Amino acid sequence: MSVHLDGGKPGKRVRPLTVHEAWLPKDHSMYRPRHGRQQVALICAIVFFLSPMVSLGVFGRPEAFENHKLHDFPSLSDGWGFFGGLSAWATDWLPGRQAAVQAEDAISRSVFGEPPALGAQAGQPGVGPVANQPPSRPETGPTQGQTNSNYPPVVEGRDGWLYLGNDMYAKCNPIIPTASVIDELIGLRRAVEASGRRLVLIVPPDKSDIFPQFLPGQYAGKDCAPVAARTMWHRLDTEVGYLDLRQPLLAESQRRGAPIYFKQDTHWQFHGGLTMVRTLAENLRPGVTSTWRTAPKETFDKQTDLPPLIGRTGTEPAELESLAPDGGADRTRTFFGQPNLTPIELRSEPTTGTVPDKVAMIGDSFTGFANMYLAAAFNDMTIMHSDYVQNDPGAAAAKLVDSDVVVIEIAERNLIGGQSPILAPAVVRTLSEQLVNHPRR
């Protein structure tokens, strides 16, 4: 309970001051001391918020074990958002939290025979590097989006397959209605083409969409997610126009004798990135890949991004391939650890089997598995992460203006759920206006 102090003098207008009754002088008629439960709660709250600070001084910075970076300490300029941010910060930096999450998982599975109902961690749309990714490997993580108790962060499928819960949630609970997403894409295509440039839209399919055979018999979103996906693919095909990767990915999976996506990661393997690059090159320059030669180059254990969301860890073998467009020397270059806010500028001498077009590409984490092959196959390309576009749409627009071909890659869940930052109307408007105002001559 709180009371108002008015100075106690009749007729005098004094600005009320709201205080807790326990803070009043003890001889005040409305003084009430805190009871035991209030004191315990207050002490627990203080310990909760001070523990991260003490832990930081004793043990150093904790490692991010979930699929998001640790929350920063909030700013007072955030207003009331400071308190929500403070809670998220204290939770992330709480000592021993990773051990507690892993213990909950072990107990739930061994005692009750089921995975724990771990809450999903909300993420920023279009943002999220893989947690615990080796420093020398690419930071390519999924967008978590917002889930709730009915949509778990991870759907555990058959034969050890894991699926991102946001695959289903984004389809059944889009941030932006599908009709609005389609309208934004149509408007962007019109602007690009009106400026004398070419637009290629690429939509990597969700693992749950292209390889549904490993999903469990029942899961949240089973009734609405497939329907929403079919509707989206149909509208992309009939109203927008896009480069369909589903058949090339399935064909490559059949050729290799195994699905081209990781079992415990939400992305395609590097073979999937190479398939995208091959399909894009053929779309721009039919027949250009006839001289391409690939071969196994390197294999490493990639830390997968889905187990940490349920308090576990996991790795899978990831195989890199060499790519010699002219059939001779390998021209791949790796960009592991490249910051999302720094564009990748690819410049190389033309040779047989390479694409000479001046290309500006906007992508998300899926493009991270293709960068090394884009470097081998394209002579003049600028690759921008969607985070960079969100951070500075004007700078991104300038790079699009300096191109002949605009390539947009948006993962299925980010597109259908309206989660990609480049689908924001203000971003689309900035890109479109700059392109139309600077036609390609």
Protein backbone atom coordinates (compact mmCIF):
# COMPACT_ATOMS: atom_id res chain seq x y z
CA MET A 1 0.00 0.00 0.00
CA SER A 2 1.14 3.59 -0.71
CA VAL A 3 -0.04 6.89 0.81
CA HIS A 4 0.12 10.58 -0.17
CA LEU A 5 1.82 13.15 2.02
CA ASP A 6 0.48 16.68 1.68
CA GLY A 7 2.45 18.38 4.45
CA GLY A 8 -0.42 18.20 6.95
CA LYS A 9 -1.30 21.92 6.69
CA PRO A 10 -4.93 22.71 5.80
CA GLY A 11 -5.40 25.05 2.86
CA LYS A 12 -1.87 24.72 1.56
CA ARG A 13 -1.51 23.09 -1.84
CA VAL A 14 1.50 20.81 -1.80
CA ARG A 15 2.40 18.46 -4.63
CA PRO A 16 1.53 14.94 -3.43
CA LEU A 17 4.41 12.57 -2.85
CA THR A 18 3.70 8.85 -3.19
CA VAL A 19 5.64 6.64 -0.74
CA HIS A 20 5.34 3.13 0.58
CA GLU A 21 3.78 2.85 4.05
CA ALA A 22 6.90 1.08 5.34
CA TRP A 23 8.97 4.18 4.52
CA LEU A 24 6.91 6.51 6.75
CA PRO A 25 8.22 7.63 10.15
CA LYS A 26 7.48 5.00 12.77
CA ASP A 27 5.32 7.44 14.76
CA HIS A 28 3.15 8.18 11.71
CA SER A 29 -0.43 6.94 12.05
CA MET A 30 -0.23 5.04 8.74
CA TYR A 31 3.17 3.46 9.29
CA ARG A 32 3.15 -0.29 8.60
CA PRO A 33 6.34 -2.36 8.67
CA ARG A 34 6.98 -4.88 5.89
CA HIS A 35 5.83 -8.35 6.87
CA GLY A 36 8.10 -11.37 6.60
CA ARG A 37 7.11 -12.45 3.09
CA GLN A 38 7.65 -8.95 1.71
CA GLN A 39 11.11 -8.83 3.23
CA VAL A 40 12.02 -12.25 1.84
CA ALA A 41 10.77 -11.25 -1.62
CA LEU A 42 12.74 -8.00 -1.48
CA ILE A 43 15.91 -9.82 -0.46
CA CYS A 44 15.44 -12.40 -3.23
CA ALA A 45 14.93 -9.64 -5.81
CA ILE A 46 18.10 -7.86 -4.67
CA VAL A 47 20.08 -11.10 -4.79
CA PHE A 48 18.70 -11.91 -8.26
CA PHE A 49 19.73 -8.57 -9.74
CA LEU A 50 23.07 -8.32 -7.92
CA SER A 51 24.20 -11.89 -8.63
CA PRO A 52 25.17 -11.18 -12.26
CA MET A 53 27.34 -8.25 -11.15
CA VAL A 54 29.09 -10.34 -8.49
CA SER A 55 29.48 -13.25 -10.91
CA LEU A 56 30.99 -11.00 -13.55
CA GLY A 57 33.69 -9.85 -11.14
CA VAL A 58 34.45 -13.37 -9.86
CA PHE A 59 33.96 -15.65 -12.88
CA GLY A 60 34.08 -13.23 -15.82
CA ARG A 61 31.60 -12.90 -18.69
CA PRO A 62 29.29 -15.94 -19.10
CA GLU A 63 29.06 -17.70 -22.45
CA ALA A 64 25.89 -17.48 -24.52
CA PHE A 65 24.51 -21.02 -24.67
CA GLU A 66 21.12 -20.29 -26.20
CA ASN A 67 20.46 -19.12 -29.73
CA HIS A 68 20.75 -15.41 -28.98
CA LYS A 69 23.45 -13.08 -27.77
CA LEU A 70 23.45 -12.03 -24.12
CA HIS A 71 21.22 -9.06 -23.37
CA ASP A 72 23.07 -5.82 -22.60
CA PHE A 73 22.37 -3.84 -19.45
CA PRO A 74 19.36 -1.61 -20.27
CA SER A 75 19.54 2.16 -20.55
CA LEU A 76 17.56 4.52 -18.34
CA SER A 77 16.55 6.31 -21.53
CA ASP A 78 14.36 3.28 -22.33
CA GLY A 79 11.75 4.56 -19.87
CA TRP A 80 9.53 1.80 -18.54
CA GLY A 81 11.31 -0.58 -20.93
CA PHE A 82 14.27 -0.36 -18.54
CA PHE A 83 12.59 -2.74 -16.11
CA GLY A 84 11.76 -5.35 -18.74
CA GLY A 85 15.29 -5.07 -20.08
CA LEU A 86 16.71 -5.38 -16.56
CA SER A 87 14.90 -8.68 -16.06
CA ALA A 88 16.16 -10.08 -19.38
CA TRP A 89 19.70 -8.94 -18.57
CA ALA A 90 19.69 -10.46 -15.09
CA THR A 91 18.28 -13.76 -16.41
CA ASP A 92 20.94 -14.08 -19.11
CA TRP A 93 23.78 -13.23 -16.72
CA LEU A 94 22.55 -15.33 -13.78
CA PRO A 95 25.38 -17.57 -12.47
CA GLY A 96 24.91 -21.29 -13.13
CA ARG A 97 21.94 -20.81 -15.44
CA GLN A 98 23.27 -23.09 -18.15
CA ALA A 99 23.82 -25.91 -15.64
CA ALA A 100 20.28 -25.39 -14.31
CA VAL A 101 18.74 -25.58 -17.79
CA GLN A 102 20.71 -28.73 -18.60
CA ALA A 103 19.74 -30.27 -15.27
CA GLU A 104 16.06 -29.53 -15.94
CA ASP A 105 16.35 -31.24 -19.30
CA ALA A 106 18.04 -34.32 -17.82
CA ILE A 107 15.53 -34.66 -14.97
CA SER A 108 12.50 -34.18 -17.20
CA ARG A 109 13.67 -36.78 -19.69
CA SER A 110 14.87 -39.38 -17.17
CA VAL A 111 12.02 -39.05 -14.63
CA PHE A 112 9.01 -38.06 -16.74
CA GLY A 113 10.14 -39.37 -20.12
CA GLU A 114 9.52 -36.09 -21.94
CA PRO A 115 11.42 -32.93 -22.82
CA PRO A 116 11.07 -29.97 -20.44
CA ALA A 117 8.66 -27.16 -21.25
CA LEU A 118 11.40 -24.60 -21.62
CA GLY A 119 10.15 -21.15 -22.52
CA ALA A 120 11.15 -19.80 -25.93
CA GLN A 121 13.50 -16.87 -25.98
CA ALA A 122 12.15 -13.98 -27.97
CA GLY A 123 14.55 -12.69 -30.57
CA GLN A 124 14.83 -9.65 -32.76
CA PRO A 125 13.39 -10.26 -36.22
CA GLY A 126 16.09 -11.24 -38.61
CA VAL A 127 18.71 -11.43 -35.93
CA GLY A 128 20.53 -14.34 -34.16
CA PRO A 129 23.94 -15.83 -34.65
CA VAL A 130 24.45 -19.49 -33.80
CA ALA A 131 25.28 -19.84 -30.11
CA ASN A 132 28.70 -21.31 -29.28
CA GLN A 133 29.73 -21.27 -32.94
CA PRO A 134 33.50 -21.84 -33.20
CA PRO A 135 35.15 -18.42 -33.75
CA SER A 136 36.59 -19.52 -37.08
CA ARG A 137 33.23 -20.61 -38.43
CA PRO A 138 30.37 -18.58 -39.88
CA GLU A 139 27.94 -16.73 -37.64
CA THR A 140 24.81 -17.94 -39.34
CA GLY A 141 21.88 -18.37 -37.00
CA PRO A 142 18.12 -18.48 -37.31
CA THR A 143 15.60 -15.88 -36.41
CA GLN A 144 13.77 -17.11 -33.36
CA GLY A 145 10.83 -14.74 -33.62
CA GLN A 146 8.24 -14.72 -30.84
CA THR A 147 6.79 -18.02 -29.63
CA ASN A 148 4.53 -18.89 -26.72
CA SER A 149 3.74 -21.85 -24.50
CA ASN A 150 1.75 -23.56 -27.26
CA TYR A 151 4.69 -23.37 -29.66
CA PRO A 152 7.85 -24.85 -28.14
CA PRO A 153 11.22 -23.43 -29.22
CA VAL A 154 12.12 -26.81 -30.73
CA VAL A 155 9.99 -29.59 -32.17
CA GLU A 156 11.63 -32.98 -31.60
CA GLY A 157 11.06 -35.21 -34.58
CA ARG A 158 11.92 -38.75 -35.61
CA ASP A 159 15.41 -40.24 -35.92
CA GLY A 160 17.04 -37.40 -33.96
CA TRP A 161 15.69 -34.62 -36.18
CA LEU A 162 15.01 -31.25 -34.56
CA TYR A 163 12.92 -28.44 -36.03
CA LEU A 164 12.73 -24.79 -35.06
CA GLY A 165 9.40 -24.08 -33.39
CA ASN A 166 9.30 -20.70 -35.11
CA ASP A 167 8.96 -22.50 -38.46
CA MET A 168 5.40 -23.27 -37.43
CA TYR A 169 4.68 -20.25 -35.25
CA ALA A 170 5.66 -17.75 -37.95
CA LYS A 171 3.28 -19.35 -40.44
CA CYS A 172 0.35 -19.53 -38.04
CA ASN A 173 0.95 -16.15 -36.33
CA PRO A 174 2.56 -13.78 -38.86
CA ILE A 175 3.70 -10.38 -37.65
CA ILE A 176 2.64 -8.91 -40.99
CA PRO A 177 -0.31 -10.45 -42.90
CA THR A 178 0.76 -12.51 -45.90
CA ALA A 179 -1.22 -10.20 -48.20
CA SER A 180 0.81 -7.22 -46.99
CA VAL A 181 4.09 -9.13 -47.45
CA ILE A 182 3.11 -9.98 -51.02
CA ASP A 183 2.20 -6.34 -51.67
CA GLU A 184 5.60 -5.16 -50.39
CA LEU A 185 7.41 -7.66 -52.63
CA ILE A 186 5.35 -6.66 -55.66
CA GLY A 187 6.10 -3.00 -55.00
CA LEU A 188 9.81 -3.72 -54.64
CA ARG A 189 9.88 -5.70 -57.89
CA ARG A 190 8.15 -2.89 -59.75
CA ALA A 191 10.62 -0.35 -58.40
CA VAL A 192 13.66 -2.46 -59.31
CA GLU A 193 12.42 -3.16 -62.82
CA ALA A 194 11.27 0.43 -63.38
CA SER A 195 14.84 1.51 -62.59
CA GLY A 196 16.19 -0.63 -65.40
CA ARG A 197 17.50 -3.40 -63.14
CA ARG A 198 16.63 -7.04 -62.68
CA LEU A 199 15.28 -8.55 -59.45
CA VAL A 200 15.80 -12.16 -58.37
CA LEU A 201 13.92 -13.27 -55.23
CA ILE A 202 15.22 -16.39 -53.46
CA VAL A 203 13.30 -18.06 -50.61
CA PRO A 204 15.13 -20.95 -48.89
CA PRO A 205 12.43 -23.35 -47.70
CA ASP A 206 12.08 -24.16 -44.02
CA LYS A 207 13.35 -27.61 -43.05
CA SER A 208 9.90 -28.44 -41.71
CA ASP A 209 8.43 -27.61 -45.13
CA ILE A 210 10.88 -29.37 -47.45
CA PHE A 211 11.61 -32.39 -45.17
CA PRO A 212 8.39 -32.90 -43.18
CA GLN A 213 8.76 -36.69 -43.11
CA PHE A 214 10.77 -36.51 -39.89
CA LEU A 215 8.25 -34.38 -37.98
CA PRO A 216 6.39 -36.06 -35.10
CA GLY A 217 2.82 -37.24 -35.55
CA GLN A 218 1.47 -34.26 -33.61
CA TYR A 219 3.01 -30.83 -33.10
CA ALA A 220 1.86 -27.26 -32.56
CA GLY A 221 0.86 -25.66 -35.85
CA LYS A 222 0.33 -28.91 -37.74
CA ASP A 223 -3.11 -27.80 -38.96
CA CYS A 224 -2.22 -24.26 -40.05
CA ALA A 225 1.49 -24.16 -40.97
CA PRO A 226 1.36 -26.39 -44.10
CA VAL A 227 -1.72 -24.54 -45.37
CA ALA A 228 -0.07 -21.16 -44.91
CA ALA A 229 3.08 -22.42 -46.67
CA ARG A 230 1.14 -23.69 -49.70
CA THR A 231 -0.69 -20.39 -49.94
CA MET A 232 2.56 -18.42 -49.79
CA TRP A 233 4.34 -20.50 -52.45
CA HIS A 234 1.34 -20.18 -54.77
CA ARG A 235 1.17 -16.41 -54.39
CA LEU A 236 4.91 -16.03 -54.85
CA ASP A 237 4.66 -18.03 -58.06
CA THR A 238 1.60 -16.32 -59.51
CA GLU A 239 1.92 -12.75 -58.24
CA VAL A 240 5.56 -11.98 -57.39
CA GLY A 241 7.90 -14.30 -59.23
CA TYR A 242 10.81 -16.03 -57.49
CA LEU A 243 13.66 -18.48 -58.04
CA ASP A 244 12.30 -21.81 -56.79
CA LEU A 245 14.99 -23.83 -54.99
CA ARG A 246 12.81 -26.65 -53.73
CA GLN A 247 13.27 -29.00 -56.67
CA PRO A 248 17.04 -28.36 -57.01
CA LEU A 249 17.48 -28.98 -53.26
CA LEU A 250 15.48 -32.21 -53.36
CA ALA A 251 17.34 -33.36 -56.46
CA GLU A 252 20.71 -32.70 -54.80
CA SER A 253 19.53 -34.53 -51.67
CA GLN A 254 18.56 -37.52 -53.79
CA ARG A 255 21.90 -37.43 -55.59
CA ARG A 256 23.76 -37.42 -52.28
CA GLY A 257 21.50 -40.01 -50.70
CA ALA A 258 20.64 -37.84 -47.68
CA PRO A 259 18.66 -34.66 -46.90
CA ILE A 260 20.63 -31.51 -47.63
CA TYR A 261 19.68 -29.87 -44.30
CA PHE A 262 21.33 -30.51 -40.93
CA LYS A 263 19.38 -32.82 -38.59
CA GLN A 264 19.85 -30.63 -35.50
CA ASP A 265 20.31 -27.23 -37.08
CA THR A 266 17.67 -25.10 -38.75
CA HIS A 267 19.79 -24.39 -41.85
CA TRP A 268 20.74 -26.19 -44.98
CA GLN A 269 24.23 -27.62 -45.21
CA PHE A 270 26.95 -25.97 -47.29
CA HIS A 271 25.79 -28.22 -50.13
CA GLY A 272 22.53 -26.27 -49.95
CA GLY A 273 24.41 -22.99 -50.26
CA LEU A 274 26.23 -24.34 -53.32
CA THR A 275 22.92 -25.46 -54.82
CA MET A 276 21.55 -21.92 -54.40
CA VAL A 277 24.62 -20.40 -56.08
CA ARG A 278 24.44 -22.85 -58.99
CA THR A 279 20.73 -22.16 -59.52
CA LEU A 280 21.22 -18.40 -59.32
CA ALA A 281 24.13 -18.46 -61.79
CA GLU A 282 22.10 -20.50 -64.27
CA ASN A 283 19.18 -18.10 -63.89
CA LEU A 284 21.37 -15.11 -64.75
CA ARG A 285 23.58 -16.79 -67.35
CA PRO A 286 22.06 -20.04 -68.70
CA GLY A 287 24.72 -22.67 -69.33
CA VAL A 288 27.43 -20.89 -67.33
CA THR A 289 27.82 -23.79 -64.87
CA SER A 290 28.59 -26.41 -67.53
CA THR A 291 32.32 -26.09 -66.82
CA TRP A 292 32.02 -26.10 -63.02
CA ARG A 293 33.96 -28.70 -61.08
CA THR A 294 33.54 -29.39 -57.38
CA ALA A 295 35.36 -31.66 -54.95
CA PRO A 296 35.42 -32.30 -51.18
CA LYS A 297 37.59 -29.65 -49.52
CA GLU A 298 37.27 -29.77 -45.73
CA THR A 299 35.09 -31.32 -43.05
CA PHE A 300 34.62 -29.92 -39.54
CA ASP A 301 32.24 -30.41 -36.64
CA LYS A 302 29.69 -27.62 -36.67
CA GLN A 303 27.96 -26.78 -33.41
CA THR A 304 24.27 -27.00 -34.21
CA ASP A 305 21.90 -24.22 -33.22
CA LEU A 306 18.78 -26.10 -32.06
CA PRO A 307 19.99 -28.23 -29.10
CA PRO A 308 20.91 -25.15 -27.00
CA LEU A 309 17.27 -24.04 -27.18
CA ILE A 310 16.32 -27.10 -25.12
CA GLY A 311 19.29 -27.02 -22.76
CA ARG A 312 21.52 -29.38 -24.72
CA THR A 313 24.53 -29.20 -27.03
CA GLY A 314 25.25 -30.91 -30.31
CA THR A 315 27.52 -31.02 -33.33
CA GLU A 316 27.24 -32.37 -36.85
CA PRO A 317 29.83 -32.88 -39.57
CA ALA A 318 29.83 -30.02 -42.09
CA GLU A 319 31.53 -30.51 -45.43
CA LEU A 320 32.96 -27.71 -47.53
CA GLU A 321 33.56 -28.16 -51.24
CA SER A 322 35.96 -26.54 -53.65
CA LEU A 323 34.53 -24.83 -56.72
CA ALA A 324 36.49 -24.35 -59.93
CA PRO A 325 34.18 -22.52 -62.36
CA ASP A 326 36.50 -23.11 -65.32
CA GLY A 327 37.29 -26.67 -64.27
CA GLY A 328 40.78 -25.71 -63.09
CA ALA A 329 41.76 -23.87 -59.90
CA ASP A 330 39.57 -23.63 -56.80
CA ARG A 331 38.30 -20.05 -56.44
CA THR A 332 36.39 -20.35 -53.14
CA ARG A 333 37.15 -17.99 -50.26
CA THR A 334 35.75 -18.32 -46.76
CA PHE A 335 34.23 -15.47 -44.79
CA PHE A 336 33.79 -17.13 -41.40
CA GLY A 337 33.25 -14.63 -38.61
CA GLN A 338 32.21 -11.84 -40.98
CA PRO A 339 30.13 -9.28 -38.98
CA ASN A 340 26.55 -8.92 -40.16
CA LEU A 341 26.91 -5.13 -40.28
CA THR A 342 29.81 -5.26 -42.73
CA PRO A 343 29.02 -5.89 -46.43
CA ILE A 344 31.11 -8.43 -48.32
CA GLU A 345 32.63 -6.98 -51.48
CA LEU A 346 33.54 -9.65 -54.06
CA ARG A 347 35.76 -8.59 -56.94
CA SER A 348 37.67 -11.01 -59.21
CA GLU A 349 38.95 -11.36 -62.74
CA PRO A 350 36.45 -12.93 -65.17
CA THR A 351 37.11 -16.45 -66.35
CA THR A 352 35.17 -19.24 -67.97
CA GLY A 353 32.21 -20.26 -65.83
CA THR A 354 31.90 -17.02 -63.83
CA VAL A 355 29.02 -14.52 -63.84
CA PRO A 356 30.13 -11.04 -65.00
CA ASP A 357 26.94 -9.16 -64.00
CA LYS A 358 27.25 -6.41 -61.37
CA VAL A 359 25.13 -7.84 -58.53
CA ALA A 360 24.00 -6.48 -55.16
CA MET A 361 22.55 -9.14 -52.86
CA ILE A 362 20.65 -8.89 -49.58
CA GLY A 363 20.50 -12.13 -47.59
CA ASP A 364 20.11 -13.63 -44.14
CA SER A 365 21.78 -16.52 -42.32
CA PHE A 366 21.17 -18.96 -45.18
CA THR A 367 23.41 -16.89 -47.46
CA GLY A 368 26.21 -17.40 -44.92
CA PHE A 369 26.42 -21.00 -46.14
CA ALA A 370 26.82 -19.79 -49.75
CA ASN A 371 29.31 -16.89 -49.48
CA MET A 372 32.37 -18.98 -50.32
CA TYR A 373 30.72 -20.22 -53.53
CA LEU A 374 29.43 -16.80 -54.50
CA ALA A 375 33.04 -15.60 -54.22
CA ALA A 376 34.10 -18.31 -56.65
CA ALA A 377 31.35 -17.81 -59.21
CA PHE A 378 30.66 -14.04 -59.33
CA ASN A 379 33.11 -11.38 -60.54
CA ASP A 380 31.38 -8.31 -59.14
CA MET A 381 29.03 -8.80 -56.19
CA THR A 382 28.22 -7.01 -52.94
CA ILE A 383 26.54 -9.12 -50.24
CA MET A 384 24.62 -7.38 -47.45
CA HIS A 385 23.06 -9.05 -44.43
CA SER A 386 19.49 -7.96 -43.65
CA ASP A 387 20.81 -6.60 -40.32
CA TYR A 388 22.94 -4.13 -42.29
CA VAL A 389 19.94 -3.06 -44.34
CA GLN A 390 17.87 -2.56 -41.20
CA ASN A 391 20.66 -0.60 -39.54
CA ASP A 392 21.26 1.75 -42.50
CA PRO A 393 18.67 1.47 -45.32
CA GLY A 394 20.18 4.49 -47.07
CA ALA A 395 23.64 2.92 -47.34
CA ALA A 396 22.10 -0.35 -48.51
CA ALA A 397 20.06 1.49 -51.13
CA ALA A 398 23.24 3.14 -52.46
CA LYS A 399 24.77 -0.29 -53.06
CA LEU A 400 21.64 -1.44 -54.86
CA VAL A 401 21.79 1.67 -57.02
CA ASP A 402 25.34 0.72 -58.04
CA SER A 403 24.22 -2.61 -59.50
CA ASP A 404 22.56 -4.13 -62.55
CA VAL A 405 20.99 -7.07 -60.72
CA VAL A 406 19.34 -7.05 -57.28
CA VAL A 407 19.13 -10.40 -55.48
CA ILE A 408 16.98 -10.71 -52.35
CA GLU A 409 17.23 -13.86 -50.20
CA ILE A 410 14.70 -14.27 -47.37
CA ALA A 411 14.21 -17.55 -45.49
CA GLU A 412 10.67 -18.91 -45.71
CA ARG A 413 9.77 -18.36 -42.04
CA ASN A 414 11.13 -14.80 -42.14
CA LEU A 415 9.13 -14.01 -45.25
CA ILE A 416 5.83 -15.69 -44.44
CA GLY A 417 5.93 -14.40 -40.85
CA GLY A 418 6.89 -10.87 -41.90
CA GLN A 419 9.93 -11.17 -39.62
CA SER A 420 12.60 -10.03 -42.06
CA PRO A 421 13.64 -6.41 -41.44
CA ILE A 422 13.75 -5.71 -45.16
CA LEU A 423 9.98 -6.28 -45.34
CA ALA A 424 9.31 -3.26 -43.14
CA PRO A 425 7.39 -0.70 -45.23
CA ALA A 426 9.84 2.09 -44.37
CA VAL A 427 12.80 -0.02 -45.53
CA VAL A 428 11.07 -1.08 -48.74
CA ARG A 429 10.14 2.54 -49.41
CA THR A 430 13.73 3.74 -48.94
CA LEU A 431 15.14 1.06 -51.25
CA SER A 432 12.44 1.60 -53.88
CA GLU A 433 12.71 5.38 -53.95
CA GLN A 434 16.49 5.34 -54.33
CA LEU A 435 16.34 2.83 -57.15
CA VAL A 436 13.66 4.73 -59.06
CA ASN A 437 15.48 8.03 -58.54
CA HIS A 438 18.70 6.55 -59.93
CA PRO A 439 17.77 4.55 -63.03
CA ARG A 440 20.38 2.29 -64.58
CA ARG A 441 21.62 3.68 -67.88
